[in-house]
PDB file of all heavy atoms in Angstrom:
ATOM      1  N   ALA A   1       1.058  14.365  -7.135  1.00  0.00           N
ATOM      2  CA  ALA A   1       1.886  14.029  -8.292  1.00  0.00           C
ATOM      3  C   ALA A   1       3.366  14.087  -7.932  1.00  0.00           C
ATOM      4  O   ALA A   1       4.162  13.303  -8.424  1.00  0.00           O
ATOM      5  CB  ALA A   1       1.585  14.968  -9.455  1.00  0.00           C
ATOM      6  N   SER A   2       3.726  15.000  -7.032  1.00  0.00           N
ATOM      7  CA  SER A   2       5.133  15.112  -6.653  1.00  0.00           C
ATOM      8  C   SER A   2       5.617  13.889  -5.887  1.00  0.00           C
ATOM      9  O   SER A   2       6.804  13.632  -5.800  1.00  0.00           O
ATOM     10  CB  SER A   2       5.376  16.380  -5.820  1.00  0.00           C
ATOM     11  OG  SER A   2       4.822  16.242  -4.532  1.00  0.00           O
ATOM     12  N   LEU A   3       4.697  13.129  -5.321  1.00  0.00           N
ATOM     13  CA  LEU A   3       5.084  11.909  -4.616  1.00  0.00           C
ATOM     14  C   LEU A   3       5.619  10.852  -5.566  1.00  0.00           C
ATOM     15  O   LEU A   3       6.313   9.937  -5.151  1.00  0.00           O
ATOM     16  CB  LEU A   3       3.891  11.321  -3.854  1.00  0.00           C
ATOM     17  CG  LEU A   3       3.425  12.121  -2.666  1.00  0.00           C
ATOM     18  CD1 LEU A   3       2.133  11.527  -2.129  1.00  0.00           C
ATOM     19  CD2 LEU A   3       4.476  12.135  -1.594  1.00  0.00           C
ATOM     20  N   MET A   4       5.301  10.980  -6.828  1.00  0.00           N
ATOM     21  CA  MET A   4       5.662   9.953  -7.785  1.00  0.00           C
ATOM     22  C   MET A   4       7.070  10.141  -8.343  1.00  0.00           C
ATOM     23  O   MET A   4       7.501   9.402  -9.206  1.00  0.00           O
ATOM     24  CB  MET A   4       4.653   9.925  -8.940  1.00  0.00           C
ATOM     25  CG  MET A   4       3.231   9.610  -8.463  1.00  0.00           C
ATOM     26  SD  MET A   4       3.099   8.153  -7.409  1.00  0.00           S
ATOM     27  CE  MET A   4       3.613   6.883  -8.522  1.00  0.00           C
ATOM     28  N   THR A   5       7.823  11.122  -7.832  1.00  0.00           N
ATOM     29  CA  THR A   5       9.207  11.310  -8.264  1.00  0.00           C
ATOM     30  C   THR A   5      10.123  11.117  -7.078  1.00  0.00           C
ATOM     31  O   THR A   5       9.699  11.148  -5.942  1.00  0.00           O
ATOM     32  CB  THR A   5       9.408  12.719  -8.839  1.00  0.00           C
ATOM     33  OG1 THR A   5       9.116  13.667  -7.822  1.00  0.00           O
ATOM     34  CG2 THR A   5       8.522  12.963 -10.045  1.00  0.00           C
ATOM     35  N   GLY A   6      11.374  10.927  -7.338  1.00  0.00           N
ATOM     36  CA  GLY A   6      12.325  10.799  -6.236  1.00  0.00           C
ATOM     37  C   GLY A   6      12.819   9.382  -6.078  1.00  0.00           C
ATOM     38  O   GLY A   6      12.905   8.629  -7.026  1.00  0.00           O
ATOM     39  N   PHE A   7      13.115   9.018  -4.830  1.00  0.00           N
ATOM     40  CA  PHE A   7      13.671   7.701  -4.568  1.00  0.00           C
ATOM     41  C   PHE A   7      12.566   6.735  -4.183  1.00  0.00           C
ATOM     42  O   PHE A   7      11.506   7.121  -3.740  1.00  0.00           O
ATOM     43  CB  PHE A   7      14.708   7.776  -3.448  1.00  0.00           C
ATOM     44  CG  PHE A   7      14.118   8.087  -2.117  1.00  0.00           C
ATOM     45  CD1 PHE A   7      13.764   7.068  -1.245  1.00  0.00           C
ATOM     46  CD2 PHE A   7      13.898   9.384  -1.731  1.00  0.00           C
ATOM     47  CE1 PHE A   7      13.208   7.355  -0.023  1.00  0.00           C
ATOM     48  CE2 PHE A   7      13.333   9.680  -0.510  1.00  0.00           C
ATOM     49  CZ  PHE A   7      12.991   8.666   0.344  1.00  0.00           C
ATOM     50  N   ALA A   8      12.829   5.468  -4.372  1.00  0.00           N
ATOM     51  CA  ALA A   8      11.873   4.434  -3.978  1.00  0.00           C
ATOM     52  C   ALA A   8      12.349   3.799  -2.685  1.00  0.00           C
ATOM     53  O   ALA A   8      13.494   3.409  -2.569  1.00  0.00           O
ATOM     54  CB  ALA A   8      11.756   3.381  -5.076  1.00  0.00           C
ATOM     55  N   LEU A   9      11.486   3.725  -1.708  1.00  0.00           N
ATOM     56  CA  LEU A   9      11.800   3.069  -0.457  1.00  0.00           C
ATOM     57  C   LEU A   9      11.238   1.660  -0.542  1.00  0.00           C
ATOM     58  O   LEU A   9      10.028   1.478  -0.574  1.00  0.00           O
ATOM     59  CB  LEU A   9      11.175   3.824   0.718  1.00  0.00           C
ATOM     60  CG  LEU A   9      11.452   3.269   2.100  1.00  0.00           C
ATOM     61  CD1 LEU A   9      12.950   3.297   2.395  1.00  0.00           C
ATOM     62  CD2 LEU A   9      10.716   4.080   3.137  1.00  0.00           C
ATOM     63  N   PRO A  10      12.099   0.640  -0.632  1.00  0.00           N
ATOM     64  CA  PRO A  10      11.597  -0.716  -0.770  1.00  0.00           C
ATOM     65  C   PRO A  10      10.726  -1.100   0.414  1.00  0.00           C
ATOM     66  O   PRO A  10      11.055  -0.810   1.552  1.00  0.00           O
ATOM     67  CB  PRO A  10      12.860  -1.579  -0.805  1.00  0.00           C
ATOM     68  CG  PRO A  10      13.996  -0.649  -0.942  1.00  0.00           C
ATOM     69  CD  PRO A  10      13.534   0.705  -0.526  1.00  0.00           C
ATOM     70  N   GLN A  11       9.614  -1.721   0.109  1.00  0.00           N
ATOM     71  CA  GLN A  11       8.696  -2.157   1.145  1.00  0.00           C
ATOM     72  C   GLN A  11       8.215  -3.560   0.783  1.00  0.00           C
ATOM     73  O   GLN A  11       7.740  -3.797  -0.309  1.00  0.00           O
ATOM     74  CB  GLN A  11       7.514  -1.197   1.263  1.00  0.00           C
ATOM     75  CG  GLN A  11       7.974   0.196   1.646  1.00  0.00           C
ATOM     76  CD  GLN A  11       6.869   1.220   1.538  1.00  0.00           C
ATOM     77  OE1 GLN A  11       5.993   1.106   0.718  1.00  0.00           O
ATOM     78  NE2 GLN A  11       6.931   2.208   2.380  1.00  0.00           N
ATOM     79  N   ALA A  12       8.363  -4.468   1.738  1.00  0.00           N
ATOM     80  CA  ALA A  12       7.963  -5.848   1.494  1.00  0.00           C
ATOM     81  C   ALA A  12       6.499  -6.033   1.851  1.00  0.00           C
ATOM     82  O   ALA A  12       5.995  -5.446   2.786  1.00  0.00           O
ATOM     83  CB  ALA A  12       8.817  -6.793   2.331  1.00  0.00           C
ATOM     84  N   HIS A  13       5.834  -6.853   1.090  1.00  0.00           N
ATOM     85  CA  HIS A  13       4.465  -7.224   1.398  1.00  0.00           C
ATOM     86  C   HIS A  13       4.179  -8.570   0.755  1.00  0.00           C
ATOM     87  O   HIS A  13       4.872  -8.998  -0.151  1.00  0.00           O
ATOM     88  CB  HIS A  13       3.478  -6.164   0.905  1.00  0.00           C
ATOM     89  CG  HIS A  13       3.468  -6.030  -0.595  1.00  0.00           C
ATOM     90  ND1 HIS A  13       4.388  -5.249  -1.250  1.00  0.00           N
ATOM     91  CD2 HIS A  13       2.692  -6.586  -1.541  1.00  0.00           C
ATOM     92  CE1 HIS A  13       4.148  -5.324  -2.560  1.00  0.00           C
ATOM     93  NE2 HIS A  13       3.143  -6.131  -2.747  1.00  0.00           N
ATOM     94  N   ALA A  14       3.163  -9.203   1.240  1.00  0.00           N
ATOM     95  CA  ALA A  14       2.793 -10.503   0.705  1.00  0.00           C
ATOM     96  C   ALA A  14       1.735 -10.309  -0.372  1.00  0.00           C
ATOM     97  O   ALA A  14       0.715  -9.672  -0.140  1.00  0.00           O
ATOM     98  CB  ALA A  14       2.250 -11.392   1.818  1.00  0.00           C
ATOM     99  N   GLU A  15       2.000 -10.821  -1.574  1.00  0.00           N
ATOM    100  CA  GLU A  15       1.013 -10.771  -2.643  1.00  0.00           C
ATOM    101  C   GLU A  15      -0.004 -11.880  -2.377  1.00  0.00           C
ATOM    102  O   GLU A  15       0.281 -13.052  -2.522  1.00  0.00           O
ATOM    103  CB  GLU A  15       1.690 -10.986  -4.008  1.00  0.00           C
ATOM    104  CG  GLU A  15       2.591  -9.874  -4.433  1.00  0.00           C
ATOM    105  CD  GLU A  15       1.833  -8.633  -4.881  1.00  0.00           C
ATOM    106  OE1 GLU A  15       0.632  -8.742  -5.209  1.00  0.00           O
ATOM    107  OE2 GLU A  15       2.434  -7.560  -4.896  1.00  0.00           O
ATOM    108  N   THR A  16      -1.162 -11.484  -1.949  1.00  0.00           N
ATOM    109  CA  THR A  16      -2.211 -12.457  -1.672  1.00  0.00           C
ATOM    110  C   THR A  16      -3.509 -11.952  -2.255  1.00  0.00           C
ATOM    111  O   THR A  16      -3.656 -10.778  -2.567  1.00  0.00           O
ATOM    112  CB  THR A  16      -2.401 -12.668  -0.159  1.00  0.00           C
ATOM    113  OG1 THR A  16      -2.750 -11.421   0.436  1.00  0.00           O
ATOM    114  CG2 THR A  16      -1.145 -13.210   0.490  1.00  0.00           C
ATOM    115  N   SER A  17      -4.453 -12.841  -2.378  1.00  0.00           N
ATOM    116  CA  SER A  17      -5.766 -12.407  -2.824  1.00  0.00           C
ATOM    117  C   SER A  17      -6.436 -11.641  -1.688  1.00  0.00           C
ATOM    118  O   SER A  17      -6.120 -11.817  -0.520  1.00  0.00           O
ATOM    119  CB  SER A  17      -6.611 -13.614  -3.242  1.00  0.00           C
ATOM    120  OG  SER A  17      -6.787 -14.465  -2.140  1.00  0.00           O
ATOM    121  N   VAL A  18      -7.344 -10.774  -2.047  1.00  0.00           N
ATOM    122  CA  VAL A  18      -8.016  -9.941  -1.058  1.00  0.00           C
ATOM    123  C   VAL A  18      -9.077 -10.765  -0.333  1.00  0.00           C
ATOM    124  O   VAL A  18      -9.929 -11.396  -0.947  1.00  0.00           O
ATOM    125  CB  VAL A  18      -8.664  -8.715  -1.730  1.00  0.00           C
ATOM    126  CG1 VAL A  18      -9.450  -7.894  -0.735  1.00  0.00           C
ATOM    127  CG2 VAL A  18      -7.609  -7.873  -2.402  1.00  0.00           C
ATOM    128  N   SER A  19      -9.012 -10.747   0.974  1.00  0.00           N
ATOM    129  CA  SER A  19     -10.005 -11.417   1.795  1.00  0.00           C
ATOM    130  C   SER A  19     -11.294 -10.623   1.762  1.00  0.00           C
ATOM    131  O   SER A  19     -11.277  -9.394   1.714  1.00  0.00           O
ATOM    132  CB  SER A  19      -9.494 -11.507   3.242  1.00  0.00           C
ATOM    133  OG  SER A  19     -10.546 -11.778   4.125  1.00  0.00           O
ATOM    134  N   PRO A  20     -12.449 -11.301   1.807  1.00  0.00           N
ATOM    135  CA  PRO A  20     -13.707 -10.556   1.863  1.00  0.00           C
ATOM    136  C   PRO A  20     -13.814  -9.723   3.140  1.00  0.00           C
ATOM    137  O   PRO A  20     -14.616  -8.819   3.222  1.00  0.00           O
ATOM    138  CB  PRO A  20     -14.782 -11.633   1.810  1.00  0.00           C
ATOM    139  CG  PRO A  20     -14.097 -12.925   2.029  1.00  0.00           C
ATOM    140  CD  PRO A  20     -12.637 -12.724   1.780  1.00  0.00           C
ATOM    141  N   LEU A  21     -12.967 -10.009   4.138  1.00  0.00           N
ATOM    142  CA  LEU A  21     -12.988  -9.262   5.387  1.00  0.00           C
ATOM    143  C   LEU A  21     -11.943  -8.144   5.419  1.00  0.00           C
ATOM    144  O   LEU A  21     -11.815  -7.449   6.417  1.00  0.00           O
ATOM    145  CB  LEU A  21     -12.757 -10.207   6.567  1.00  0.00           C
ATOM    146  CG  LEU A  21     -13.772 -11.336   6.718  1.00  0.00           C
ATOM    147  CD1 LEU A  21     -13.378 -12.263   7.852  1.00  0.00           C
ATOM    148  CD2 LEU A  21     -15.166 -10.785   6.918  1.00  0.00           C
ATOM    149  N   ALA A  22     -11.190  -7.982   4.329  1.00  0.00           N
ATOM    150  CA  ALA A  22     -10.147  -6.956   4.290  1.00  0.00           C
ATOM    151  C   ALA A  22     -10.779  -5.565   4.374  1.00  0.00           C
ATOM    152  O   ALA A  22     -11.858  -5.324   3.850  1.00  0.00           O
ATOM    153  CB  ALA A  22      -9.333  -7.084   3.007  1.00  0.00           C
ATOM    154  N   THR A  23     -10.067  -4.660   5.053  1.00  0.00           N
ATOM    155  CA  THR A  23     -10.528  -3.284   5.218  1.00  0.00           C
ATOM    156  C   THR A  23      -9.411  -2.338   4.823  1.00  0.00           C
ATOM    157  O   THR A  23      -8.256  -2.531   5.193  1.00  0.00           O
ATOM    158  CB  THR A  23     -10.929  -3.022   6.688  1.00  0.00           C
ATOM    159  OG1 THR A  23     -11.914  -3.977   7.069  1.00  0.00           O
ATOM    160  CG2 THR A  23     -11.489  -1.635   6.862  1.00  0.00           C
ATOM    161  N   SER A  24      -9.762  -1.296   4.096  1.00  0.00           N
ATOM    162  CA  SER A  24      -8.783  -0.300   3.676  1.00  0.00           C
ATOM    163  C   SER A  24      -8.331   0.528   4.874  1.00  0.00           C
ATOM    164  O   SER A  24      -9.152   0.943   5.690  1.00  0.00           O
ATOM    165  CB  SER A  24      -9.408   0.616   2.624  1.00  0.00           C
ATOM    166  OG  SER A  24      -8.487   1.588   2.199  1.00  0.00           O
ATOM    167  N   PRO A  25      -7.011   0.791   5.005  1.00  0.00           N
ATOM    168  CA  PRO A  25      -6.530   1.653   6.088  1.00  0.00           C
ATOM    169  C   PRO A  25      -7.144   3.047   5.973  1.00  0.00           C
ATOM    170  O   PRO A  25      -7.283   3.579   4.876  1.00  0.00           O
ATOM    171  CB  PRO A  25      -5.022   1.716   5.872  1.00  0.00           C
ATOM    172  CG  PRO A  25      -4.703   0.587   4.952  1.00  0.00           C
ATOM    173  CD  PRO A  25      -5.929   0.323   4.154  1.00  0.00           C
ATOM    174  N   GLY A  26      -7.491   3.610   7.113  1.00  0.00           N
ATOM    175  CA  GLY A  26      -8.100   4.931   7.117  1.00  0.00           C
ATOM    176  C   GLY A  26      -7.411   5.863   8.097  1.00  0.00           C
ATOM    177  O   GLY A  26      -6.593   5.445   8.919  1.00  0.00           O
ATOM    178  N   ILE A  27      -7.756   7.143   8.009  1.00  0.00           N
ATOM    179  CA  ILE A  27      -7.179   8.164   8.873  1.00  0.00           C
ATOM    180  C   ILE A  27      -8.246   9.212   9.155  1.00  0.00           C
ATOM    181  O   ILE A  27      -9.070   9.522   8.291  1.00  0.00           O
ATOM    182  CB  ILE A  27      -5.925   8.769   8.197  1.00  0.00           C
ATOM    183  CG1 ILE A  27      -5.104   9.571   9.184  1.00  0.00           C
ATOM    184  CG2 ILE A  27      -6.282   9.573   6.980  1.00  0.00           C
ATOM    185  CD1 ILE A  27      -3.716   9.925   8.673  1.00  0.00           C
ATOM    186  N   SER A  28      -8.243   9.718  10.387  1.00  0.00           N
ATOM    187  CA  SER A  28      -9.209  10.738  10.767  1.00  0.00           C
ATOM    188  C   SER A  28      -8.510  11.801  11.602  1.00  0.00           C
ATOM    189  O   SER A  28      -7.848  11.456  12.590  1.00  0.00           O
ATOM    190  CB  SER A  28     -10.342  10.108  11.570  1.00  0.00           C
ATOM    191  OG  SER A  28     -11.266  11.093  11.986  1.00  0.00           O
TER     192      SER A  28
END
């Protein structure tokens, strides 16, 4: 919840439809 306060760091991305091959980023 604390991440939702503070400053916004602008980040560019392309608004596109989700590809059926798209994969969510993960971490291990």
